[in-house]
Protein backbone atom coordinates (compact mmCIF):
# COMPACT_ATOMS: atom_id res chain seq x y z
CA UNK A 1 7.70 -34.91 8.78
CA UNK A 2 4.67 -31.82 8.87
CA UNK A 3 2.90 -31.67 11.74
CA UNK A 4 3.48 -27.71 14.06
CA UNK A 5 6.48 -25.48 13.69
CA UNK A 6 7.85 -23.02 15.79
CA UNK A 7 9.61 -20.49 12.77
CA UNK A 8 8.51 -20.39 9.05
CA UNK A 9 11.28 -18.93 6.81
CA UNK A 10 9.81 -16.98 4.29
CA UNK A 11 11.62 -17.19 0.69
CA UNK A 12 11.65 -15.41 -2.97
CA UNK A 13 14.90 -14.78 -4.32
CA UNK A 14 17.01 -17.26 -5.19
CA UNK A 15 20.80 -16.29 -4.61
CA UNK A 16 20.87 -15.75 -0.91
CA UNK A 17 22.74 -18.13 0.82
CA UNK A 18 22.38 -17.12 4.57
CA UNK A 19 19.27 -17.42 5.60
CA UNK A 20 20.04 -20.77 4.00
CA UNK A 21 22.44 -22.12 7.16
CA UNK A 22 20.48 -20.92 10.10
CA UNK A 23 18.02 -24.07 9.89
CA UNK A 24 20.74 -26.08 11.17
CA UNK A 25 21.27 -23.70 13.68
CA UNK A 26 17.85 -23.30 15.22
CA UNK A 27 17.53 -26.94 14.35
CA UNK A 28 20.62 -27.74 16.81
CA UNK A 29 18.56 -25.59 19.68
CA UNK A 30 15.30 -28.32 19.13
CA UNK A 31 13.81 -25.55 17.35
CA UNK A 32 11.68 -27.46 14.48
CA UNK A 33 11.93 -25.12 11.10
CA UNK A 34 9.51 -25.31 7.84
CA UNK A 35 10.87 -23.24 4.60
CA UNK A 36 8.36 -21.57 2.61
CA UNK A 37 10.19 -21.12 -0.33
CA UNK A 38 10.88 -21.62 -4.31
CA UNK A 39 11.91 -24.72 -4.96
CA UNK A 40 15.68 -22.90 -7.12
CA UNK A 41 15.48 -21.13 -3.85
CA UNK A 42 19.11 -22.51 -2.33
CA UNK A 43 16.78 -22.52 1.09
CA UNK A 44 14.44 -25.41 -0.20
CA UNK A 45 17.80 -27.81 -0.39
CA UNK A 46 18.77 -27.97 2.70
CA UNK A 47 18.09 -30.68 5.00
CA UNK A 48 17.19 -28.74 8.31
CA UNK A 49 13.70 -28.94 8.14
CA UNK A 50 10.46 -30.56 9.52
CA UNK A 51 8.91 -29.23 6.55
CA UNK A 52 10.25 -27.60 2.92
CA UNK A 53 7.04 -26.34 1.36
CA UNK A 54 7.31 -25.25 -2.51
CA UNK A 55 5.70 -21.10 -3.25
CA UNK A 56 4.11 -21.33 -6.55
CA UNK A 57 6.25 -19.41 -9.45
CA UNK A 58 3.98 -16.66 -9.40
CA UNK A 59 4.57 -13.07 -8.66
CA UNK A 60 0.84 -12.53 -8.16
CA UNK A 61 -0.16 -10.96 -4.63
CA UNK A 62 -4.02 -13.39 -4.17
CA UNK A 63 -2.20 -16.75 -5.16
CA UNK A 64 1.57 -16.02 -2.78
CA UNK A 65 -1.31 -14.99 0.06
CA UNK A 66 -3.07 -18.35 -0.41
CA UNK A 67 0.19 -20.38 -0.23
CA UNK A 68 1.58 -18.63 2.60
CA UNK A 69 -2.12 -19.28 4.60
CA UNK A 70 -2.57 -22.26 3.99
CA UNK A 71 1.37 -22.98 4.75
CA UNK A 72 0.42 -21.35 8.04
CA UNK A 73 -2.78 -22.86 8.58
CA UNK A 74 -1.16 -26.78 8.82
CA UNK A 75 2.51 -26.03 10.28
CA UNK A 76 1.05 -23.29 12.65
CA UNK A 77 4.34 -21.54 13.35
CA UNK A 78 4.83 -19.14 16.14
CA UNK A 79 7.53 -16.41 14.14
CA UNK A 80 7.96 -16.08 10.75
CA UNK A 81 11.03 -14.59 9.32
CA UNK A 82 11.51 -13.87 6.02
CA UNK A 83 14.57 -14.25 3.67
CA UNK A 84 14.92 -11.23 1.49
CA UNK A 85 13.88 -8.15 0.37
CA UNK A 86 11.34 -8.69 -1.93
CA UNK A 87 9.44 -11.54 1.46
CA UNK A 88 9.56 -8.66 3.87
CA UNK A 89 8.50 -5.88 1.40
CA UNK A 90 5.10 -8.24 0.47
CA UNK A 91 4.59 -9.37 3.85
CA UNK A 92 4.91 -5.51 4.73
CA UNK A 93 1.96 -5.60 2.22
CA UNK A 94 -0.13 -8.10 3.86
CA UNK A 95 0.26 -6.12 7.30
CA UNK A 96 -0.69 -2.94 5.50
CA UNK A 97 -4.45 -5.01 4.22
CA UNK A 98 -3.49 -6.66 0.79
CA UNK A 99 -4.67 -9.75 -0.29
CA UNK A 100 -7.02 -8.73 2.78
CA UNK A 101 -9.33 -10.77 1.54
CA UNK A 102 -6.93 -13.80 1.57
CA UNK A 103 -5.12 -13.03 4.59
CA UNK A 104 -6.91 -13.48 8.04
CA UNK A 105 -6.67 -11.43 11.28
CA UNK A 106 -4.39 -14.93 12.32
CA UNK A 107 -1.98 -14.47 10.01
CA UNK A 108 -1.73 -11.11 10.33
CA UNK A 109 -1.11 -10.87 13.44
CA UNK A 110 0.98 -13.19 13.69
CA UNK A 111 2.89 -11.86 11.17
CA UNK A 112 2.50 -8.28 13.07
CA UNK A 113 4.28 -10.40 15.91
CA UNK A 114 7.22 -11.66 13.72
CA UNK A 115 8.32 -8.40 12.12
CA UNK A 116 6.70 -5.64 14.45
CA UNK A 117 4.80 -2.41 14.53
CA UNK A 118 3.01 -1.79 11.11
CA UNK A 119 3.90 2.12 11.23
CA UNK A 120 7.28 1.39 11.34
CA UNK A 121 7.66 -0.65 8.75
CA UNK A 122 8.93 1.74 6.71
CA UNK A 123 12.28 2.83 8.06
CA UNK A 124 13.33 -0.88 8.43
CA UNK A 125 13.00 -1.09 4.26
CA UNK A 126 13.34 2.10 2.87
CA UNK A 127 17.31 3.27 2.30
CA UNK A 128 15.47 7.58 3.37
CA UNK A 129 13.01 6.67 6.04
CA UNK A 130 16.21 5.02 7.88
CA UNK A 131 18.01 7.41 7.87
CA UNK A 132 15.54 10.64 8.68
CA UNK A 133 14.71 8.15 11.38
CA UNK A 134 18.51 7.59 12.50
CA UNK A 135 19.33 11.14 12.51
CA UNK A 136 16.29 11.65 14.49
CA UNK A 137 17.22 9.75 16.93
CA UNK A 138 21.15 10.73 16.92
CA UNK A 139 22.29 7.98 14.68
CA UNK A 140 25.60 9.26 12.81
CA UNK A 141 25.04 8.65 9.03
CA UNK A 142 26.28 9.89 6.01
CA UNK A 143 26.25 13.98 4.81
CA UNK A 144 23.77 14.39 1.67
CA UNK A 145 19.49 14.58 1.41
CA UNK A 146 16.64 12.58 -0.07
CA UNK A 147 15.83 14.40 -3.00
CA UNK A 148 12.41 14.57 -5.28
CA UNK A 149 14.38 16.44 -8.87
CA UNK A 150 17.15 16.06 -10.94
CA UNK A 151 17.64 19.84 -9.90
CA UNK A 152 17.61 18.88 -6.82
CA UNK A 153 19.99 15.88 -6.97
CA UNK A 154 22.62 19.01 -8.37
CA UNK A 155 22.32 20.90 -5.95
CA UNK A 156 22.67 18.57 -2.58
CA UNK A 157 26.23 17.02 -4.96
CA UNK A 158 27.17 20.34 -5.49
CA UNK A 159 27.24 20.52 -1.73
CA UNK A 160 29.44 17.35 -1.19
CA UNK A 161 32.48 16.14 -1.44
CA UNK A 162 33.76 14.39 -4.80
CA UNK A 163 32.41 11.03 -5.58
CA UNK A 164 29.20 11.58 -3.86
CA UNK A 165 26.62 8.70 -4.11
CA UNK A 166 22.98 8.62 -5.38
CA UNK A 167 20.50 5.68 -3.65
CA UNK A 168 17.68 4.50 -4.45
CA UNK A 169 15.80 4.26 -1.53
CA UNK A 170 14.99 0.34 -2.05
CA UNK A 171 17.44 -1.96 -3.17
CA UNK A 172 20.16 -3.90 -1.80
CA UNK A 173 23.33 -6.03 -2.67
CA UNK A 174 24.74 -2.66 -4.31
CA UNK A 175 21.23 -2.44 -7.00
CA UNK A 176 20.72 0.74 -6.83
CA UNK A 177 23.67 2.20 -6.61
CA UNK A 178 24.99 4.90 -8.50
CA UNK A 179 28.71 6.37 -7.96
CA UNK A 180 28.83 10.16 -9.09
CA UNK A 181 32.42 11.67 -9.84
CA UNK A 182 30.17 15.58 -10.44
CA UNK A 183 27.21 16.69 -9.92
CA UNK A 184 26.33 16.35 -13.70
CA UNK A 185 26.34 12.77 -13.03
CA UNK A 186 24.12 13.60 -9.60
CA UNK A 187 21.26 14.46 -12.34
CA UNK A 188 21.51 12.21 -14.18
CA UNK A 189 21.36 9.22 -11.89
CA UNK A 190 18.82 10.23 -10.18
CA UNK A 191 16.52 10.52 -13.79
CA UNK A 192 17.96 6.75 -14.16
CA UNK A 193 16.40 5.76 -11.65
CA UNK A 194 13.13 6.22 -12.74
CA UNK A 195 12.16 5.26 -16.22
CA UNK A 196 9.03 5.99 -17.41
CA UNK A 197 6.39 3.16 -16.56
CA UNK A 198 3.55 3.36 -19.40
CA UNK A 199 0.26 3.13 -18.41
CA UNK A 200 -0.60 -0.14 -19.89
CA UNK A 201 2.33 -1.76 -18.69
CA UNK A 202 0.90 -0.15 -14.72
CA UNK A 203 -2.41 -1.43 -15.69
CA UNK A 204 -1.58 -4.55 -16.70
CA UNK A 205 0.75 -4.85 -13.54
CA UNK A 206 -2.61 -3.93 -11.36
CA UNK A 207 -4.54 -6.53 -13.20
CA UNK A 208 -2.18 -9.29 -12.51
CA UNK A 209 -1.91 -8.55 -9.35
CA UNK A 210 2.35 -7.79 -9.07
CA UNK A 211 2.47 -4.59 -8.03
CA UNK A 212 3.15 -5.16 -4.56
CA UNK A 213 6.96 -4.72 -5.69
CA UNK A 214 8.09 -1.12 -5.24
CA UNK A 215 9.21 0.23 -8.76
CA UNK A 216 10.60 3.30 -7.89
CA UNK A 217 11.72 5.41 -4.52
CA UNK A 218 12.63 7.13 -3.04
CA UNK A 219 16.56 9.25 -4.01
CA UNK A 220 18.77 10.24 -1.53
CA UNK A 221 22.04 12.17 -2.78
CA UNK A 222 25.24 11.46 -0.09
CA UNK A 223 28.89 12.29 0.06
CA UNK A 224 30.70 9.06 0.64
CA UNK A 225 32.49 7.60 3.60
CA UNK A 226 36.02 6.94 3.29
CA UNK A 227 36.90 3.50 5.60
CA UNK A 228 35.31 -0.16 5.70
CA UNK A 229 32.17 -1.67 5.48
CA UNK A 230 30.37 -4.12 8.61
CA UNK A 231 27.73 -4.61 9.69
CA UNK A 232 25.98 -5.89 12.63
CA UNK A 233 23.47 -9.38 13.06
CA UNK A 234 21.14 -8.59 15.80
CA UNK A 235 17.92 -10.77 17.12
CA UNK A 236 15.51 -8.03 17.96
CA UNK A 237 11.46 -8.37 20.41
CA UNK A 238 9.20 -6.27 20.52
CA UNK A 239 11.94 -3.75 20.04
CA UNK A 240 14.78 -5.11 22.61
CA UNK A 241 17.71 -6.20 21.81
CA UNK A 242 18.39 -9.41 22.28
CA UNK A 243 21.99 -9.79 21.26
CA UNK A 244 24.36 -8.93 18.44
CA UNK A 245 27.73 -9.18 16.78
CA UNK A 246 29.76 -7.69 14.54
CA UNK A 247 30.71 -8.15 11.36
CA UNK A 248 33.52 -6.82 8.48
CA UNK A 249 33.96 -7.16 5.18
CA UNK A 250 37.96 -8.54 4.35
CA UNK A 251 36.21 -9.15 0.88
CA UNK A 252 33.03 -8.54 -1.30
CA UNK A 253 31.79 -10.11 -4.69
CA UNK A 254 32.02 -6.33 -5.95
CA UNK A 255 33.06 -2.87 -5.17
CA UNK A 256 29.54 -2.84 -3.45
CA UNK A 257 28.40 -6.04 -4.07
CA UNK A 258 28.03 -9.02 -0.46
CA UNK A 259 30.43 -9.92 1.15
CA UNK A 260 32.92 -13.68 1.13
CA UNK A 261 34.41 -13.09 3.53
CA UNK A 262 34.47 -11.82 7.04
CA UNK A 263 35.62 -10.69 10.40
CA UNK A 264 33.19 -11.59 12.92
CA UNK A 265 33.09 -10.11 17.01
CA UNK A 266 32.03 -7.67 19.38
CA UNK A 267 32.10 -3.87 18.05
CA UNK A 268 30.60 -1.51 20.94
CA UNK A 269 29.26 1.02 19.38
CA UNK A 270 28.00 -0.58 16.07
CA UNK A 271 25.97 -2.25 18.64
CA UNK A 272 24.38 0.73 20.48
CA UNK A 273 23.31 1.91 17.51
CA UNK A 274 22.15 -0.82 16.65
CA UNK A 275 20.32 -1.29 19.32
CA UNK A 276 18.63 2.60 19.37
CA UNK A 277 17.31 1.68 16.30
CA UNK A 278 15.43 -1.37 17.12
CA UNK A 279 13.88 0.53 19.76
CA UNK A 280 12.43 3.19 17.38
CA UNK A 281 11.34 0.85 15.45
CA UNK A 282 10.08 -1.64 18.00
CA UNK A 283 11.27 -4.72 16.14
CA UNK A 284 11.09 -8.61 16.16
CA UNK A 285 13.42 -11.41 14.52
CA UNK A 286 16.65 -11.00 12.44
CA UNK A 287 17.67 -7.55 11.55
CA UNK A 288 20.57 -6.83 10.33
CA UNK A 289 22.50 -3.11 9.61
CA UNK A 290 24.92 -1.79 7.47
CA UNK A 291 27.68 0.41 8.67
CA UNK A 292 30.94 2.44 7.17
CA UNK A 293 33.96 2.79 9.24
CA UNK A 294 35.10 6.19 9.19
CA UNK A 295 38.99 6.10 8.64
CA UNK A 296 39.57 9.24 10.03
CA UNK A 297 37.76 9.06 13.55
CA UNK A 298 37.06 5.46 13.73
CA UNK A 299 33.86 6.04 14.16
CA UNK A 300 30.10 3.87 12.70
CA UNK A 301 27.74 5.71 9.79
CA UNK A 302 25.23 3.62 9.11
CA UNK A 303 24.08 2.92 5.97
CA UNK A 304 21.11 0.99 5.88
CA UNK A 305 18.39 -1.65 7.71
CA UNK A 306 18.04 -5.02 6.87
CA UNK A 307 15.08 -6.69 8.31
CA UNK A 308 16.21 -10.19 7.49
CA UNK A 309 18.90 -12.80 8.48
CA UNK A 310 22.12 -11.19 7.10
CA UNK A 311 24.80 -13.13 5.68
CA UNK A 312 26.66 -14.91 9.24
CA UNK A 313 23.21 -14.95 10.99
CA UNK A 314 24.01 -17.81 12.26
CA UNK A 315 27.28 -17.87 13.23
CA UNK A 316 26.83 -16.45 16.43
CA UNK A 317 27.91 -19.54 18.55
CA UNK A 318 31.27 -19.23 17.55
CA UNK A 319 31.51 -16.46 18.99
CA UNK A 320 29.44 -16.82 21.94
CA UNK A 321 26.43 -15.18 20.54
CA UNK A 322 24.39 -18.29 20.07
CA UNK A 323 20.95 -15.77 18.50
CA UNK A 324 19.37 -19.17 18.09
CA UNK A 325 19.50 -20.49 21.22
CA UNK A 326 18.53 -17.53 22.25
CA UNK A 327 15.17 -17.31 19.85
CA UNK A 328 15.08 -20.56 21.23
CA UNK A 329 14.65 -19.01 24.87
CA UNK A 330 12.87 -16.62 24.70
CA UNK A 331 9.78 -19.45 22.72
CA UNK A 332 9.85 -21.10 25.91
CA UNK A 333 9.01 -18.07 27.83
CA UNK A 334 12.46 -16.59 28.58
CA UNK A 335 12.94 -13.38 29.33
CA UNK A 336 14.79 -10.56 27.32
CA UNK A 337 18.07 -10.42 28.74
CA UNK A 338 18.37 -7.12 30.78
CA UNK A 339 22.08 -6.45 29.05
CA UNK A 340 21.95 -7.76 25.20
CA UNK A 341 24.73 -10.73 25.01
CA UNK A 342 27.54 -10.27 23.18
CA UNK A 343 30.24 -11.50 21.18
CA UNK A 344 33.42 -12.92 23.40
CA UNK A 345 35.97 -13.51 20.64
CA UNK A 346 36.71 -12.82 17.19
CA UNK A 347 37.06 -15.14 14.25
CA UNK A 348 37.64 -14.47 10.37
CA UNK A 349 34.75 -16.51 8.43
CA UNK A 350 34.87 -17.88 4.11
CA UNK A 351 31.28 -17.54 3.69
CA UNK A 352 29.41 -20.59 2.08
CA UNK A 353 29.21 -21.13 -0.79
CA UNK A 354 32.64 -19.91 -1.51
CA UNK A 355 34.15 -21.67 1.00
CA UNK A 356 33.61 -24.52 -1.43
CA UNK A 357 36.37 -23.09 -3.41
CA UNK A 358 39.98 -24.29 -1.94
CA UNK A 359 41.89 -21.88 -3.83
CA UNK A 360 39.68 -18.86 -1.92
CA UNK A 361 40.52 -19.38 1.87
CA UNK A 362 43.15 -17.83 3.20
CA UNK A 363 45.27 -19.42 6.06
CA UNK A 364 43.65 -18.28 9.18
CA UNK A 365 40.22 -18.31 7.84
CA UNK A 366 38.17 -20.65 8.80
CA UNK A 367 35.70 -22.63 5.92
CA UNK A 368 32.13 -22.02 6.71
CA UNK A 369 31.15 -25.92 5.07
CA UNK A 370 27.46 -26.61 5.98
CA UNK A 371 29.31 -30.82 6.44
CA UNK A 372 26.33 -32.45 8.28
CA UNK A 373 23.43 -30.80 5.30
CA UNK A 374 23.95 -32.96 2.32
CA UNK A 375 21.75 -31.31 1.35
CA UNK A 376 23.06 -28.05 1.34
CA UNK A 377 26.43 -29.53 0.06
CA UNK A 378 24.86 -31.19 -2.83
CA UNK A 379 23.83 -27.59 -4.46
CA UNK A 380 26.88 -26.17 -4.05
CA UNK A 381 28.52 -29.27 -5.56
CA UNK A 382 26.19 -28.02 -8.73
CA UNK A 383 27.22 -24.48 -8.22
CA UNK A 384 30.82 -25.40 -8.51
CA UNK A 385 31.17 -27.17 -11.68
CA UNK A 386 28.41 -24.32 -12.66
CA UNK A 387 31.66 -21.90 -12.52
CA UNK A 388 33.95 -24.97 -13.84
CA UNK A 389 31.80 -24.73 -17.05
């Protein structure tokens, strides 16, 4: 069924399960939701949307812009939520003037309302800029520096305890992160972050309209933080934190990969640091921050920003901080609460789709199963069959 909606969730990448769980949460509080994503995206399988629009199988910016513009004209969303980093990059590009012949003033204004000020978008997406902003407002980050040459990477690593980590400024789910046990390894990792791109390949990408995606970016050399990984899931509105809750990683897919099992609950220190970042960014919408909880002090150390719904974004209602309900109240004219909403209890969760594996479920852990979403359950069952093949 078509017609106006409150929220348009826009996705490009496959394999992001958290955003696919969000429509049910949004619908449960009376918000109308549409999705725009490729047909093979997990988000395309949820039943809890008013309309599911299919993104064409292309990386051509003009075609993607045309698809977005047509969908916005048809469903007239009040807010656009990007569901992955590629979607964020593309929308940031449109805000910055990309595809200006297709993206009109009304769509650009909608994107600005949905994400935040154009001059503060880069620190949401690029780790180097995130850490620089955090340092400037007194939020603790790992020791290290942004480097421009292999020699600088070696020099910075020489001043850090080993192992050190070389990180590309743009990346996610552990991509672009290299552990280095020597300064020489840090120099080599820097070089590996900057593979040569031929003139012909660059020209072809520009000609095909596929040059919107960052090929290379700044690189940081950082000290490792001894501790445990954690995250904050927050809802922001015009640079104010509406509410948040924490997730502490209990199990992951890989050493630097996404979580499969988390403990959600309150964490005042991480929430306070995240609130300061939100104020500095001026952002709106779902946003996440990754931290390390330092073993020696228990203090949070900011690692990166995720300007999109993260894996646990739909789970706050289980611990007393329903961010979807808070968003619904704001869209109906309510005010941002004077004191941000916070979790009232702690809960261990095995995340979808890992919750489909009964062998992965431990005693005392809740399985995040979309039992009322037949589409996602069918999709999950297909994943399970594929894994068993």
